[in-house]
Structure formats: structure tokens, C-alpha cells
PDB file of all heavy atoms in Angstrom:
ATOM      1  N   VAL A   1     131.329 185.213  84.135  1.00  0.00           N
ATOM      2  CA  VAL A   1     131.269 184.281  85.265  1.00  0.00           C
ATOM      3  C   VAL A   1     131.972 184.905  86.460  1.00  0.00           C
ATOM      4  O   VAL A   1     132.866 185.733  86.312  1.00  0.00           O
ATOM      5  CB  VAL A   1     131.906 182.905  84.936  1.00  0.00           C
ATOM      6  CG1 VAL A   1     131.144 182.198  83.832  1.00  0.00           C
ATOM      7  CG2 VAL A   1     133.375 183.035  84.587  1.00  0.00           C
ATOM      8  N   ASP A   2     131.557 184.475  87.660  1.00  0.00           N
ATOM      9  CA  ASP A   2     132.198 184.965  88.880  1.00  0.00           C
ATOM     10  C   ASP A   2     133.238 183.952  89.358  1.00  0.00           C
ATOM     11  O   ASP A   2     133.564 182.994  88.643  1.00  0.00           O
ATOM     12  CB  ASP A   2     131.156 185.293  89.951  1.00  0.00           C
ATOM     13  CG  ASP A   2     130.405 184.073  90.467  1.00  0.00           C
ATOM     14  OD1 ASP A   2     130.804 182.912  90.182  1.00  0.00           O
ATOM     15  OD2 ASP A   2     129.394 184.267  91.173  1.00  0.00           O
ATOM     16  N   ASP A   3     133.736 184.123  90.573  1.00  0.00           N
ATOM     17  CA  ASP A   3     134.754 183.224  91.132  1.00  0.00           C
ATOM     18  C   ASP A   3     134.299 181.779  91.246  1.00  0.00           C
ATOM     19  O   ASP A   3     135.104 180.862  91.231  1.00  0.00           O
ATOM     20  CB  ASP A   3     135.176 183.703  92.525  1.00  0.00           C
ATOM     21  CG  ASP A   3     136.364 184.625  92.468  1.00  0.00           C
ATOM     22  OD1 ASP A   3     136.930 184.824  91.386  1.00  0.00           O
ATOM     23  OD2 ASP A   3     136.737 185.156  93.528  1.00  0.00           O
ATOM     24  N   ASN A   4     132.991 181.564  91.391  1.00  0.00           N
ATOM     25  CA  ASN A   4     132.461 180.209  91.530  1.00  0.00           C
ATOM     26  C   ASN A   4     132.001 179.635  90.189  1.00  0.00           C
ATOM     27  O   ASN A   4     131.328 178.617  90.156  1.00  0.00           O
ATOM     28  CB  ASN A   4     131.293 180.208  92.520  1.00  0.00           C
ATOM     29  CG  ASN A   4     131.742 180.667  93.891  1.00  0.00           C
ATOM     30  OD1 ASN A   4     132.766 180.218  94.389  1.00  0.00           O
ATOM     31  ND2 ASN A   4     130.995 181.572  94.477  1.00  0.00           N
ATOM     32  N   LEU A   5     132.336 180.339  89.102  1.00  0.00           N
ATOM     33  CA  LEU A   5     131.939 179.976  87.744  1.00  0.00           C
ATOM     34  C   LEU A   5     130.434 180.048  87.518  1.00  0.00           C
ATOM     35  O   LEU A   5     129.911 179.476  86.567  1.00  0.00           O
ATOM     36  CB  LEU A   5     132.486 178.603  87.339  1.00  0.00           C
ATOM     37  CG  LEU A   5     134.015 178.477  87.362  1.00  0.00           C
ATOM     38  CD1 LEU A   5     134.429 177.070  86.983  1.00  0.00           C
ATOM     39  CD2 LEU A   5     134.651 179.501  86.432  1.00  0.00           C
ATOM     40  N   ALA A   6     129.729 180.765  88.413  1.00  0.00           N
ATOM     41  CA  ALA A   6     128.302 181.011  88.203  1.00  0.00           C
ATOM     42  C   ALA A   6     128.171 182.030  87.069  1.00  0.00           C
ATOM     43  O   ALA A   6     128.878 183.039  87.039  1.00  0.00           O
ATOM     44  CB  ALA A   6     127.658 181.550  89.476  1.00  0.00           C
ATOM     45  N   VAL A   7     127.275 181.763  86.130  1.00  0.00           N
ATOM     46  CA  VAL A   7     127.079 182.645  84.989  1.00  0.00           C
ATOM     47  C   VAL A   7     126.274 183.862  85.451  1.00  0.00           C
ATOM     48  O   VAL A   7     125.281 183.740  86.161  1.00  0.00           O
ATOM     49  CB  VAL A   7     126.374 181.907  83.835  1.00  0.00           C
ATOM     50  CG1 VAL A   7     126.177 182.826  82.644  1.00  0.00           C
ATOM     51  CG2 VAL A   7     127.199 180.689  83.421  1.00  0.00           C
ATOM     52  N   LEU A   8     126.746 185.054  85.042  1.00  0.00           N
ATOM     53  CA  LEU A   8     126.176 186.316  85.497  1.00  0.00           C
ATOM     54  C   LEU A   8     125.244 186.937  84.455  1.00  0.00           C
ATOM     55  O   LEU A   8     125.442 186.775  83.261  1.00  0.00           O
ATOM     56  CB  LEU A   8     127.300 187.313  85.784  1.00  0.00           C
ATOM     57  CG  LEU A   8     128.362 186.883  86.792  1.00  0.00           C
ATOM     58  CD1 LEU A   8     129.521 187.869  86.778  1.00  0.00           C
ATOM     59  CD2 LEU A   8     127.752 186.771  88.176  1.00  0.00           C
ATOM     60  N   GLY A   9     124.304 187.709  84.931  1.00  0.00           N
ATOM     61  CA  GLY A   9     123.455 188.520  84.075  1.00  0.00           C
ATOM     62  C   GLY A   9     123.663 190.000  84.332  1.00  0.00           C
ATOM     63  O   GLY A   9     123.111 190.844  83.647  1.00  0.00           O
ATOM     64  N   SER A  10     124.462 190.309  85.324  1.00  0.00           N
ATOM     65  CA  SER A  10     124.654 191.710  85.720  1.00  0.00           C
ATOM     66  C   SER A  10     125.382 192.516  84.649  1.00  0.00           C
ATOM     67  O   SER A  10     126.160 191.983  83.864  1.00  0.00           O
ATOM     68  CB  SER A  10     125.426 191.788  87.043  1.00  0.00           C
ATOM     69  OG  SER A  10     126.711 191.209  86.903  1.00  0.00           O
ATOM     70  N   THR A  11     125.094 193.802  84.637  1.00  0.00           N
ATOM     71  CA  THR A  11     125.699 194.736  83.686  1.00  0.00           C
ATOM     72  C   THR A  11     126.088 195.994  84.439  1.00  0.00           C
ATOM     73  O   THR A  11     125.374 196.429  85.343  1.00  0.00           O
ATOM     74  CB  THR A  11     124.694 195.107  82.574  1.00  0.00           C
ATOM     75  OG1 THR A  11     124.324 193.921  81.880  1.00  0.00           O
ATOM     76  CG2 THR A  11     125.286 196.094  81.591  1.00  0.00           C
ATOM     77  N   GLU A  12     127.216 196.566  84.094  1.00  0.00           N
ATOM     78  CA  GLU A  12     127.615 197.847  84.665  1.00  0.00           C
ATOM     79  C   GLU A  12     128.293 198.698  83.604  1.00  0.00           C
ATOM     80  O   GLU A  12     128.798 198.182  82.617  1.00  0.00           O
ATOM     81  CB  GLU A  12     128.464 197.685  85.919  1.00  0.00           C
ATOM     82  CG  GLU A  12     129.609 196.723  85.828  1.00  0.00           C
ATOM     83  CD  GLU A  12     130.171 196.387  87.203  1.00  0.00           C
ATOM     84  OE1 GLU A  12     130.420 197.303  88.011  1.00  0.00           O
ATOM     85  OE2 GLU A  12     130.373 195.191  87.469  1.00  0.00           O
ATOM     86  N   ALA A  13     128.249 200.004  83.821  1.00  0.00           N
ATOM     87  CA  ALA A  13     128.811 200.955  82.857  1.00  0.00           C
ATOM     88  C   ALA A  13     129.891 201.780  83.532  1.00  0.00           C
ATOM     89  O   ALA A  13     129.721 202.225  84.671  1.00  0.00           O
ATOM     90  CB  ALA A  13     127.726 201.874  82.317  1.00  0.00           C
ATOM     91  N   TYR A  14     130.990 201.990  82.809  1.00  0.00           N
ATOM     92  CA  TYR A  14     132.092 202.809  83.295  1.00  0.00           C
ATOM     93  C   TYR A  14     132.017 204.176  82.626  1.00  0.00           C
ATOM     94  O   TYR A  14     131.909 204.272  81.398  1.00  0.00           O
ATOM     95  CB  TYR A  14     133.431 202.154  82.975  1.00  0.00           C
ATOM     96  CG  TYR A  14     134.619 202.978  83.388  1.00  0.00           C
ATOM     97  CD1 TYR A  14     135.020 203.019  84.719  1.00  0.00           C
ATOM     98  CD2 TYR A  14     135.326 203.723  82.458  1.00  0.00           C
ATOM     99  CE1 TYR A  14     136.112 203.784  85.110  1.00  0.00           C
ATOM    100  CE2 TYR A  14     136.420 204.493  82.837  1.00  0.00           C
ATOM    101  CZ  TYR A  14     136.799 204.517  84.165  1.00  0.00           C
ATOM    102  OH  TYR A  14     137.874 205.276  84.544  1.00  0.00           O
ATOM    103  N   ASP A  15     132.094 205.219  83.440  1.00  0.00           N
ATOM    104  CA  ASP A  15     132.112 206.593  82.944  1.00  0.00           C
ATOM    105  C   ASP A  15     133.518 207.149  83.136  1.00  0.00           C
ATOM    106  O   ASP A  15     133.937 207.399  84.272  1.00  0.00           O
ATOM    107  CB  ASP A  15     131.105 207.434  83.708  1.00  0.00           C
ATOM    108  CG  ASP A  15     131.005 208.855  83.187  1.00  0.00           C
ATOM    109  OD1 ASP A  15     131.901 209.306  82.432  1.00  0.00           O
ATOM    110  OD2 ASP A  15     130.026 209.526  83.545  1.00  0.00           O
ATOM    111  N   PRO A  16     134.277 207.325  82.059  1.00  0.00           N
ATOM    112  CA  PRO A  16     135.655 207.809  82.185  1.00  0.00           C
ATOM    113  C   PRO A  16     135.759 209.203  82.812  1.00  0.00           C
ATOM    114  O   PRO A  16     136.746 209.514  83.462  1.00  0.00           O
ATOM    115  CB  PRO A  16     136.166 207.844  80.747  1.00  0.00           C
ATOM    116  CG  PRO A  16     135.241 207.018  79.959  1.00  0.00           C
ATOM    117  CD  PRO A  16     133.930 207.033  80.671  1.00  0.00           C
ATOM    118  N   SER A  17     134.739 210.044  82.639  1.00  0.00           N
ATOM    119  CA  SER A  17     134.826 211.405  83.179  1.00  0.00           C
ATOM    120  C   SER A  17     134.792 211.427  84.699  1.00  0.00           C
ATOM    121  O   SER A  17     135.346 212.331  85.318  1.00  0.00           O
ATOM    122  CB  SER A  17     133.714 212.288  82.609  1.00  0.00           C
ATOM    123  OG  SER A  17     132.453 211.835  83.036  1.00  0.00           O
ATOM    124  N   SER A  18     134.166 210.420  85.310  1.00  0.00           N
ATOM    125  CA  SER A  18     134.105 210.367  86.777  1.00  0.00           C
ATOM    126  C   SER A  18     134.902 209.202  87.355  1.00  0.00           C
ATOM    127  O   SER A  18     135.008 209.083  88.579  1.00  0.00           O
ATOM    128  CB  SER A  18     132.646 210.256  87.235  1.00  0.00           C
ATOM    129  OG  SER A  18     132.076 209.043  86.763  1.00  0.00           O
ATOM    130  N   ASP A  19     135.465 208.337  86.502  1.00  0.00           N
ATOM    131  CA  ASP A  19     136.165 207.122  86.925  1.00  0.00           C
ATOM    132  C   ASP A  19     135.277 206.324  87.875  1.00  0.00           C
ATOM    133  O   ASP A  19     135.684 205.929  88.957  1.00  0.00           O
ATOM    134  CB  ASP A  19     137.510 207.453  87.585  1.00  0.00           C
ATOM    135  CG  ASP A  19     138.340 206.211  87.900  1.00  0.00           C
ATOM    136  OD1 ASP A  19     138.251 205.215  87.141  1.00  0.00           O
ATOM    137  OD2 ASP A  19     139.057 206.213  88.924  1.00  0.00           O
ATOM    138  N   MET A  20     134.031 206.083  87.441  1.00  0.00           N
ATOM    139  CA  MET A  20     133.077 205.341  88.269  1.00  0.00           C
ATOM    140  C   MET A  20     132.323 204.308  87.441  1.00  0.00           C
ATOM    141  O   MET A  20     132.030 204.536  86.274  1.00  0.00           O
ATOM    142  CB  MET A  20     132.053 206.288  88.905  1.00  0.00           C
ATOM    143  CG  MET A  20     132.629 207.207  89.948  1.00  0.00           C
ATOM    144  SD  MET A  20     131.355 208.274  90.684  1.00  0.00           S
ATOM    145  CE  MET A  20     130.322 207.060  91.457  1.00  0.00           C
ATOM    146  N   TRP A  21     132.024 203.186  88.083  1.00  0.00           N
ATOM    147  CA  TRP A  21     131.160 202.155  87.517  1.00  0.00           C
ATOM    148  C   TRP A  21     129.770 202.318  88.112  1.00  0.00           C
ATOM    149  O   TRP A  21     129.624 202.574  89.300  1.00  0.00           O
ATOM    150  CB  TRP A  21     131.677 200.763  87.865  1.00  0.00           C
ATOM    151  CG  TRP A  21     132.913 200.378  87.120  1.00  0.00           C
ATOM    152  CD1 TRP A  21     134.205 200.532  87.532  1.00  0.00           C
ATOM    153  CD2 TRP A  21     132.979 199.752  85.830  1.00  0.00           C
ATOM    154  NE1 TRP A  21     135.065 200.055  86.582  1.00  0.00           N
ATOM    155  CE2 TRP A  21     134.337 199.556  85.530  1.00  0.00           C
ATOM    156  CE3 TRP A  21     132.024 199.334  84.909  1.00  0.00           C
ATOM    157  CZ2 TRP A  21     134.762 198.965  84.346  1.00  0.00           C
ATOM    158  CZ3 TRP A  21     132.447 198.744  83.734  1.00  0.00           C
ATOM    159  CH2 TRP A  21     133.801 198.560  83.459  1.00  0.00           C
ATOM    160  N   THR A  22     128.739 202.137  87.299  1.00  0.00           N
ATOM    161  CA  THR A  22     127.353 202.198  87.750  1.00  0.00           C
ATOM    162  C   THR A  22     126.656 200.904  87.348  1.00  0.00           C
ATOM    163  O   THR A  22     126.735 200.490  86.191  1.00  0.00           O
ATOM    164  CB  THR A  22     126.622 203.389  87.094  1.00  0.00           C
ATOM    165  OG1 THR A  22     127.316 204.590  87.426  1.00  0.00           O
ATOM    166  CG2 THR A  22     125.184 203.480  87.560  1.00  0.00           C
ATOM    167  N   SER A  23     125.974 200.271  88.312  1.00  0.00           N
ATOM    168  CA  SER A  23     125.215 199.060  88.008  1.00  0.00           C
ATOM    169  C   SER A  23     123.985 199.422  87.192  1.00  0.00           C
ATOM    170  O   SER A  23     123.320 200.425  87.461  1.00  0.00           O
ATOM    171  CB  SER A  23     124.795 198.358  89.299  1.00  0.00           C
ATOM    172  OG  SER A  23     125.923 197.876  89.969  1.00  0.00           O
ATOM    173  N   LEU A  24     123.684 198.589  86.200  1.00  0.00           N
ATOM    174  CA  LEU A  24     122.530 198.779  85.327  1.00  0.00           C
ATOM    175  C   LEU A  24     121.629 197.553  85.417  1.00  0.00           C
ATOM    176  O   LEU A  24     121.958 196.582  86.097  1.00  0.00           O
ATOM    177  CB  LEU A  24     123.000 198.978  83.881  1.00  0.00           C
ATOM    178  CG  LEU A  24     123.973 200.128  83.630  1.00  0.00           C
ATOM    179  CD1 LEU A  24     124.476 200.094  82.207  1.00  0.00           C
ATOM    180  CD2 LEU A  24     123.305 201.457  83.940  1.00  0.00           C
ATOM    181  N   ALA A  25     120.517 197.586  84.706  1.00  0.00           N
ATOM    182  CA  ALA A  25     119.626 196.427  84.662  1.00  0.00           C
ATOM    183  C   ALA A  25     120.380 195.222  84.103  1.00  0.00           C
ATOM    184  O   ALA A  25     121.204 195.363  83.198  1.00  0.00           O
ATOM    185  CB  ALA A  25     118.414 196.739  83.793  1.00  0.00           C
ATOM    186  N   SER A  26     120.087 194.062  84.641  1.00  0.00           N
ATOM    187  CA  SER A  26     120.707 192.825  84.165  1.00  0.00           C
ATOM    188  C   SER A  26     120.178 192.471  82.779  1.00  0.00           C
ATOM    189  O   SER A  26     119.068 192.852  82.412  1.00  0.00           O
ATOM    190  CB  SER A  26     120.411 191.676  85.126  1.00  0.00           C
ATOM    191  OG  SER A  26     121.037 191.899  86.366  1.00  0.00           O
ATOM    192  N   ILE A  27     120.974 191.700  82.048  1.00  0.00           N
ATOM    193  CA  ILE A  27     120.499 191.196  80.765  1.00  0.00           C
ATOM    194  C   ILE A  27     119.437 190.122  81.039  1.00  0.00           C
ATOM    195  O   ILE A  27     119.430 189.514  82.114  1.00  0.00           O
ATOM    196  CB  ILE A  27     121.662 190.667  79.892  1.00  0.00           C
ATOM    197  CG1 ILE A  27     122.479 189.595  80.625  1.00  0.00           C
ATOM    198  CG2 ILE A  27     122.561 191.804  79.456  1.00  0.00           C
ATOM    199  CD1 ILE A  27     123.583 188.967  79.795  1.00  0.00           C
ATOM    200  N   PRO A  28     118.515 189.890  80.098  1.00  0.00           N
ATOM    201  CA  PRO A  28     117.405 188.966  80.346  1.00  0.00           C
ATOM    202  C   PRO A  28     117.826 187.529  80.671  1.00  0.00           C
ATOM    203  O   PRO A  28     117.161 186.846  81.431  1.00  0.00           O
ATOM    204  CB  PRO A  28     116.606 188.993  79.040  1.00  0.00           C
ATOM    205  CG  PRO A  28     116.985 190.263  78.387  1.00  0.00           C
ATOM    206  CD  PRO A  28     118.384 190.555  78.801  1.00  0.00           C
ATOM    207  N   SER A  29     118.922 187.078  80.080  1.00  0.00           N
ATOM    208  CA  SER A  29     119.379 185.712  80.296  1.00  0.00           C
ATOM    209  C   SER A  29     120.869 185.738  80.618  1.00  0.00           C
ATOM    210  O   SER A  29     121.664 186.193  79.792  1.00  0.00           O
ATOM    211  CB  SER A  29     119.132 184.895  79.029  1.00  0.00           C
ATOM    212  OG  SER A  29     119.665 183.606  79.157  1.00  0.00           O
TER     213      SER A  29
END
């Protein structure tokens, strides 16, 4: 959930070798 308690479908991946997050495809629901 976000600050407004809206339920999220977003997904992101953290790569420790670059210390970066990358947005990925959202989950279906």
C-alpha cells in the first residue's frame, strides 16, 4: 500500500551490485 492506503500492483527489483532499483511489470492483481 502507498501513503493513501491504495493497494499497489507495482513491482521493482534491487540489484546489490549497482545499488539500484528497477521498475518491472506490475503483478496482475
